[in-house]
Amino acid sequence: MPTDTPAPAGPDALAVDIADAARLLSISPSHLFALRRAGRFGPKPIKLGRSCRFRVDELRQWLEAGCPSAAVWRPAKGGGR
């Protein structure tokens, strides 16, 4: 029986939705939303129509950099605000 819930992103995904981004970071989606609201989540979302996605390579780079705040991460990546 088909569902409206998309399957989790595969291991070769280039971009993931917020639920898969949270799963990759081993946190809950609500915690990721809270980090974004507080300005503590650096990776900037990519808008594809009405969908919000995060680049997997940027998530990995951000994690390896020690999870800096958006104010530190985005200027370093050239993304601004």
C-alpha atoms as a PDB file:
ATOM      1  CA  MET A   1       0.000   0.000   0.000  1.00  0.00           C
ATOM      2  CA  PRO A   2       1.587   3.355  -1.037  1.00  0.00           C
ATOM      3  CA  THR A   3       2.190   6.052   1.544  1.00  0.00           C
ATOM      4  CA  ASP A   4       2.791   9.803   1.304  1.00  0.00           C
ATOM      5  CA  THR A   5       5.941   9.506   3.420  1.00  0.00           C
ATOM      6  CA  PRO A   6       9.071   9.509   1.260  1.00  0.00           C
ATOM      7  CA  ALA A   7      11.631   6.787   1.803  1.00  0.00           C
ATOM      8  CA  PRO A   8      14.814   7.803   3.653  1.00  0.00           C
ATOM      9  CA  ALA A   9      17.580   9.079   1.405  1.00  0.00           C
ATOM     10  CA  GLY A  10      19.976   6.471   0.129  1.00  0.00           C
ATOM     11  CA  PRO A  11      23.703   6.443   0.881  1.00  0.00           C
ATOM     12  CA  ASP A  12      24.510   8.256  -2.387  1.00  0.00           C
ATOM     13  CA  ALA A  13      22.079  11.142  -1.871  1.00  0.00           C
ATOM     14  CA  LEU A  14      23.452  14.595  -2.638  1.00  0.00           C
ATOM     15  CA  ALA A  15      20.775  16.440  -0.671  1.00  0.00           C
ATOM     16  CA  VAL A  16      18.399  15.368   2.083  1.00  0.00           C
ATOM     17  CA  ASP A  17      15.274  16.703   3.740  1.00  0.00           C
ATOM     18  CA  ILE A  18      15.276  17.876   7.339  1.00  0.00           C
ATOM     19  CA  ALA A  19      14.298  14.465   8.737  1.00  0.00           C
ATOM     20  CA  ASP A  20      17.177  12.749   6.928  1.00  0.00           C
ATOM     21  CA  ALA A  21      19.579  15.561   7.884  1.00  0.00           C
ATOM     22  CA  ALA A  22      18.631  15.021  11.526  1.00  0.00           C
ATOM     23  CA  ARG A  23      19.044  11.265  11.126  1.00  0.00           C
ATOM     24  CA  LEU A  24      22.533  11.760   9.630  1.00  0.00           C
ATOM     25  CA  LEU A  25      23.470  13.934  12.623  1.00  0.00           C
ATOM     26  CA  SER A  26      21.897  11.470  15.108  1.00  0.00           C
ATOM     27  CA  ILE A  27      19.497  14.084  16.485  1.00  0.00           C
ATOM     28  CA  SER A  28      15.734  14.456  16.294  1.00  0.00           C
ATOM     29  CA  PRO A  29      14.115  16.686  13.664  1.00  0.00           C
ATOM     30  CA  SER A  30      12.687  18.854  16.460  1.00  0.00           C
ATOM     31  CA  HIS A  31      16.201  19.360  17.857  1.00  0.00           C
ATOM     32  CA  LEU A  32      17.441  20.350  14.397  1.00  0.00           C
ATOM     33  CA  PHE A  33      14.562  22.860  14.111  1.00  0.00           C
ATOM     34  CA  ALA A  34      15.514  24.258  17.542  1.00  0.00           C
ATOM     35  CA  LEU A  35      19.161  24.602  16.487  1.00  0.00           C
ATOM     36  CA  ARG A  36      18.071  26.452  13.334  1.00  0.00           C
ATOM     37  CA  ARG A  37      15.803  28.813  15.296  1.00  0.00           C
ATOM     38  CA  ALA A  38      18.645  29.568  17.735  1.00  0.00           C
ATOM     39  CA  GLY A  39      21.110  30.266  14.901  1.00  0.00           C
ATOM     40  CA  ARG A  40      23.282  27.337  15.963  1.00  0.00           C
ATOM     41  CA  PHE A  41      22.835  25.245  12.795  1.00  0.00           C
ATOM     42  CA  GLY A  42      25.289  26.372  10.136  1.00  0.00           C
ATOM     43  CA  PRO A  43      24.304  24.648   6.884  1.00  0.00           C
ATOM     44  CA  LYS A  44      21.974  26.768   4.807  1.00  0.00           C
ATOM     45  CA  PRO A  45      18.991  24.981   3.247  1.00  0.00           C
ATOM     46  CA  ILE A  46      18.524  24.744  -0.487  1.00  0.00           C
ATOM     47  CA  LYS A  47      15.000  25.506  -1.684  1.00  0.00           C
ATOM     48  CA  LEU A  48      13.731  23.247  -4.468  1.00  0.00           C
ATOM     49  CA  GLY A  49      10.281  24.596  -5.144  1.00  0.00           C
ATOM     50  CA  ARG A  50       8.572  24.359  -1.771  1.00  0.00           C
ATOM     51  CA  SER A  51      10.958  21.660  -0.566  1.00  0.00           C
ATOM     52  CA  CYS A  52      13.835  22.412   1.780  1.00  0.00           C
ATOM     53  CA  ARG A  53      16.966  20.271   1.379  1.00  0.00           C
ATOM     54  CA  PHE A  54      20.460  20.212   2.890  1.00  0.00           C
ATOM     55  CA  ARG A  55      23.602  19.241   0.996  1.00  0.00           C
ATOM     56  CA  VAL A  56      25.074  16.068   2.514  1.00  0.00           C
ATOM     57  CA  ASP A  57      28.648  17.197   1.868  1.00  0.00           C
ATOM     58  CA  GLU A  58      28.018  20.471   3.711  1.00  0.00           C
ATOM     59  CA  LEU A  59      26.491  18.620   6.667  1.00  0.00           C
ATOM     60  CA  ARG A  60      29.651  16.502   6.874  1.00  0.00           C
ATOM     61  CA  GLN A  61      31.961  19.535   6.571  1.00  0.00           C
ATOM     62  CA  TRP A  62      30.002  21.407   9.244  1.00  0.00           C
ATOM     63  CA  LEU A  63      30.197  18.450  11.615  1.00  0.00           C
ATOM     64  CA  GLU A  64      33.946  18.012  10.989  1.00  0.00           C
ATOM     65  CA  ALA A  65      34.444  21.742  11.696  1.00  0.00           C
ATOM     66  CA  GLY A  66      32.928  21.291  15.155  1.00  0.00           C
ATOM     67  CA  CYS A  67      29.368  22.464  14.391  1.00  0.00           C
ATOM     68  CA  PRO A  68      29.960  26.239  14.402  1.00  0.00           C
ATOM     69  CA  SER A  69      27.002  28.604  14.573  1.00  0.00           C
ATOM     70  CA  ALA A  70      25.405  29.934  11.408  1.00  0.00           C
ATOM     71  CA  ALA A  71      27.037  33.329  12.073  1.00  0.00           C
ATOM     72  CA  VAL A  72      30.474  31.688  11.869  1.00  0.00           C
ATOM     73  CA  TRP A  73      29.789  28.957   9.298  1.00  0.00           C
ATOM     74  CA  ARG A  74      27.956  30.801   6.534  1.00  0.00           C
ATOM     75  CA  PRO A  75      30.487  33.639   6.036  1.00  0.00           C
ATOM     76  CA  ALA A  76      33.294  31.047   6.056  1.00  0.00           C
ATOM     77  CA  LYS A  77      31.460  29.124   3.311  1.00  0.00           C
ATOM     78  CA  GLY A  78      30.683  32.288   1.342  1.00  0.00           C
ATOM     79  CA  GLY A  79      26.949  31.854   1.935  1.00  0.00           C
ATOM     80  CA  GLY A  80      26.261  34.989   3.920  1.00  0.00           C
ATOM     81  CA  ARG A  81      22.961  35.090   5.738  1.00  0.00           C
END
